[in-house]
Amino acid sequence: MTLPVSDWLRVDAVLDNEASCDADDDRLAEMALRIRETGWAQLPDWPTEPAGFAAWPHPGETVTVTLTPPQWTLTLTALNRWAYVADCTASRDSYLDARRLQTIATKISQQLHAPGADQQAREEDRCRK
């Protein structure tokens, strides 16, 4: 799954929210953290110092993120949930955030359901083993 780094950073923030708000569900919080850690590991130029985030990510930079099907399901569920929450807030910024989260969820869903996506996921799983 290839996405702009800026989109993946929104996914990361949403998963952080998801884990924080479902503190009673340790499995969900643990999976959200694992997804975030996987994303960080797949960003080769993730800044190691706070000052490095000032000029990062570079415009147009993309990242290829490989997750398991259950991890993608949680990611899409979280994006849709937080898009709904943002949409229910009565501010222009929240409305725009909701649209952005919905757009990211749509991009991910389309890539996951593209022809050949199942075969690619199986090959990626086999390579991880």
Protein backbone atom coordinates (compact mmCIF):
# COMPACT_ATOMS: atom_id res chain seq x y z
CA MET A 1 0.00 0.00 0.00
CA THR A 2 1.64 3.22 -1.15
CA LEU A 3 0.43 6.51 0.31
CA PRO A 4 1.74 10.04 0.63
CA VAL A 5 3.68 10.32 3.90
CA SER A 6 1.37 13.18 4.91
CA ASP A 7 -1.59 10.76 4.64
CA TRP A 8 0.20 8.11 6.68
CA LEU A 9 0.88 10.70 9.39
CA ARG A 10 -2.88 11.33 9.58
CA VAL A 11 -3.42 7.56 9.86
CA ASP A 12 -0.83 7.45 12.64
CA ALA A 13 -2.61 10.24 14.53
CA VAL A 14 -6.00 8.55 14.13
CA LEU A 15 -4.60 5.25 15.44
CA ASP A 16 -3.12 7.11 18.41
CA ASN A 17 -6.58 8.54 19.14
CA GLU A 18 -8.18 5.13 18.67
CA ALA A 19 -5.83 3.47 21.16
CA SER A 20 -6.22 6.27 23.69
CA CYS A 21 -10.02 6.31 23.60
CA ASP A 22 -10.46 2.55 23.86
CA ALA A 23 -8.24 2.14 26.89
CA ASP A 24 -10.46 -0.69 28.19
CA ASP A 25 -9.72 -2.79 25.11
CA ASP A 26 -6.08 -3.80 25.53
CA ARG A 27 -6.06 -5.86 22.32
CA LEU A 28 -7.27 -2.94 20.22
CA ALA A 29 -4.79 -0.54 21.84
CA GLU A 30 -1.97 -3.05 21.31
CA MET A 31 -2.89 -3.58 17.65
CA ALA A 32 -3.10 0.17 17.04
CA LEU A 33 0.35 0.60 18.58
CA ARG A 34 1.77 -2.25 16.44
CA ILE A 35 0.33 -0.63 13.31
CA ARG A 36 1.90 2.70 14.26
CA GLU A 37 5.26 1.05 14.96
CA THR A 38 5.11 -0.80 11.64
CA GLY A 39 4.49 2.49 9.86
CA TRP A 40 7.39 4.18 11.66
CA ALA A 41 9.72 1.32 10.74
CA GLN A 42 8.73 1.61 7.08
CA LEU A 43 9.56 5.32 6.96
CA PRO A 44 13.32 5.24 6.41
CA ASP A 45 13.82 8.95 7.02
CA TRP A 46 11.62 9.29 10.12
CA PRO A 47 13.30 12.10 12.09
CA THR A 48 15.02 11.03 15.28
CA GLU A 49 15.16 14.52 16.78
CA PRO A 50 12.19 16.87 17.30
CA ALA A 51 13.81 19.57 15.16
CA GLY A 52 13.86 17.15 12.22
CA PHE A 53 10.07 17.28 11.97
CA ALA A 54 10.17 20.97 10.96
CA ALA A 55 11.08 20.12 7.35
CA TRP A 56 9.61 16.64 7.18
CA PRO A 57 8.02 15.03 5.29
CA HIS A 58 9.24 16.38 1.99
CA PRO A 59 6.45 17.44 -0.39
CA GLY A 60 5.24 14.52 -2.48
CA GLU A 61 7.13 11.92 -0.45
CA THR A 62 5.43 8.52 -0.35
CA VAL A 63 5.67 5.46 1.86
CA THR A 64 4.79 1.86 1.18
CA VAL A 65 3.18 0.34 4.26
CA THR A 66 2.61 -3.39 4.59
CA LEU A 67 0.06 -4.52 7.17
CA THR A 68 -1.95 -7.67 7.78
CA PRO A 69 -5.63 -7.79 6.73
CA PRO A 70 -6.82 -7.37 10.37
CA GLN A 71 -4.52 -4.36 10.76
CA TRP A 72 -5.93 -2.77 7.60
CA THR A 73 -9.45 -3.44 8.90
CA LEU A 74 -8.68 -1.63 12.16
CA THR A 75 -7.03 1.21 10.23
CA LEU A 76 -10.09 1.71 8.02
CA THR A 77 -12.47 1.42 10.98
CA ALA A 78 -10.50 4.05 12.89
CA LEU A 79 -10.31 6.43 9.91
CA ASN A 80 -14.06 6.20 9.35
CA ARG A 81 -14.83 6.56 13.06
CA TRP A 82 -12.70 9.68 13.48
CA ALA A 83 -14.00 11.15 10.21
CA TYR A 84 -17.50 10.78 11.66
CA VAL A 85 -16.41 12.41 14.95
CA ALA A 86 -14.82 15.32 13.09
CA ASP A 87 -17.88 15.68 10.87
CA CYS A 88 -20.12 16.02 13.93
CA THR A 89 -18.13 18.99 15.18
CA ALA A 90 -19.41 22.38 14.15
CA SER A 91 -16.26 23.92 12.75
CA ARG A 92 -14.89 24.38 9.26
CA ASP A 93 -11.53 22.83 10.24
CA SER A 94 -13.25 19.74 11.61
CA TYR A 95 -15.31 19.44 8.45
CA LEU A 96 -12.15 19.62 6.33
CA ASP A 97 -10.42 17.08 8.57
CA ALA A 98 -13.38 14.71 8.20
CA ARG A 99 -13.20 15.00 4.39
CA ARG A 100 -9.45 14.32 4.44
CA LEU A 101 -9.83 11.24 6.64
CA GLN A 102 -12.62 9.94 4.39
CA THR A 103 -10.43 10.50 1.33
CA ILE A 104 -7.53 8.58 2.91
CA ALA A 105 -9.87 5.72 3.87
CA THR A 106 -11.20 5.60 0.31
CA LYS A 107 -7.67 5.49 -1.17
CA ILE A 108 -6.70 2.64 1.14
CA SER A 109 -9.91 0.72 0.48
CA GLN A 110 -9.51 1.09 -3.29
CA GLN A 111 -5.93 -0.18 -3.18
CA LEU A 112 -6.92 -3.10 -0.94
CA HIS A 113 -9.69 -4.10 -3.34
CA ALA A 114 -7.75 -3.53 -6.57
CA PRO A 115 -7.28 -6.51 -8.88
CA GLY A 116 -4.29 -8.53 -7.72
CA ALA A 117 -4.25 -6.99 -4.24
CA ASP A 118 -5.00 -10.36 -2.57
CA GLN A 119 -2.12 -12.04 -4.38
CA GLN A 120 0.25 -9.22 -3.47
CA ALA A 121 -0.81 -9.40 0.20
CA ARG A 122 -0.16 -13.17 0.26
CA GLU A 123 3.29 -12.66 -1.25
CA GLU A 124 4.09 -9.93 1.30
CA ASP A 125 2.93 -12.21 4.15
CA ARG A 126 5.12 -15.02 2.82
CA CYS A 127 8.14 -12.70 2.68
CA ARG A 128 7.61 -11.62 6.32
CA LYS A 129 7.70 -15.22 7.55
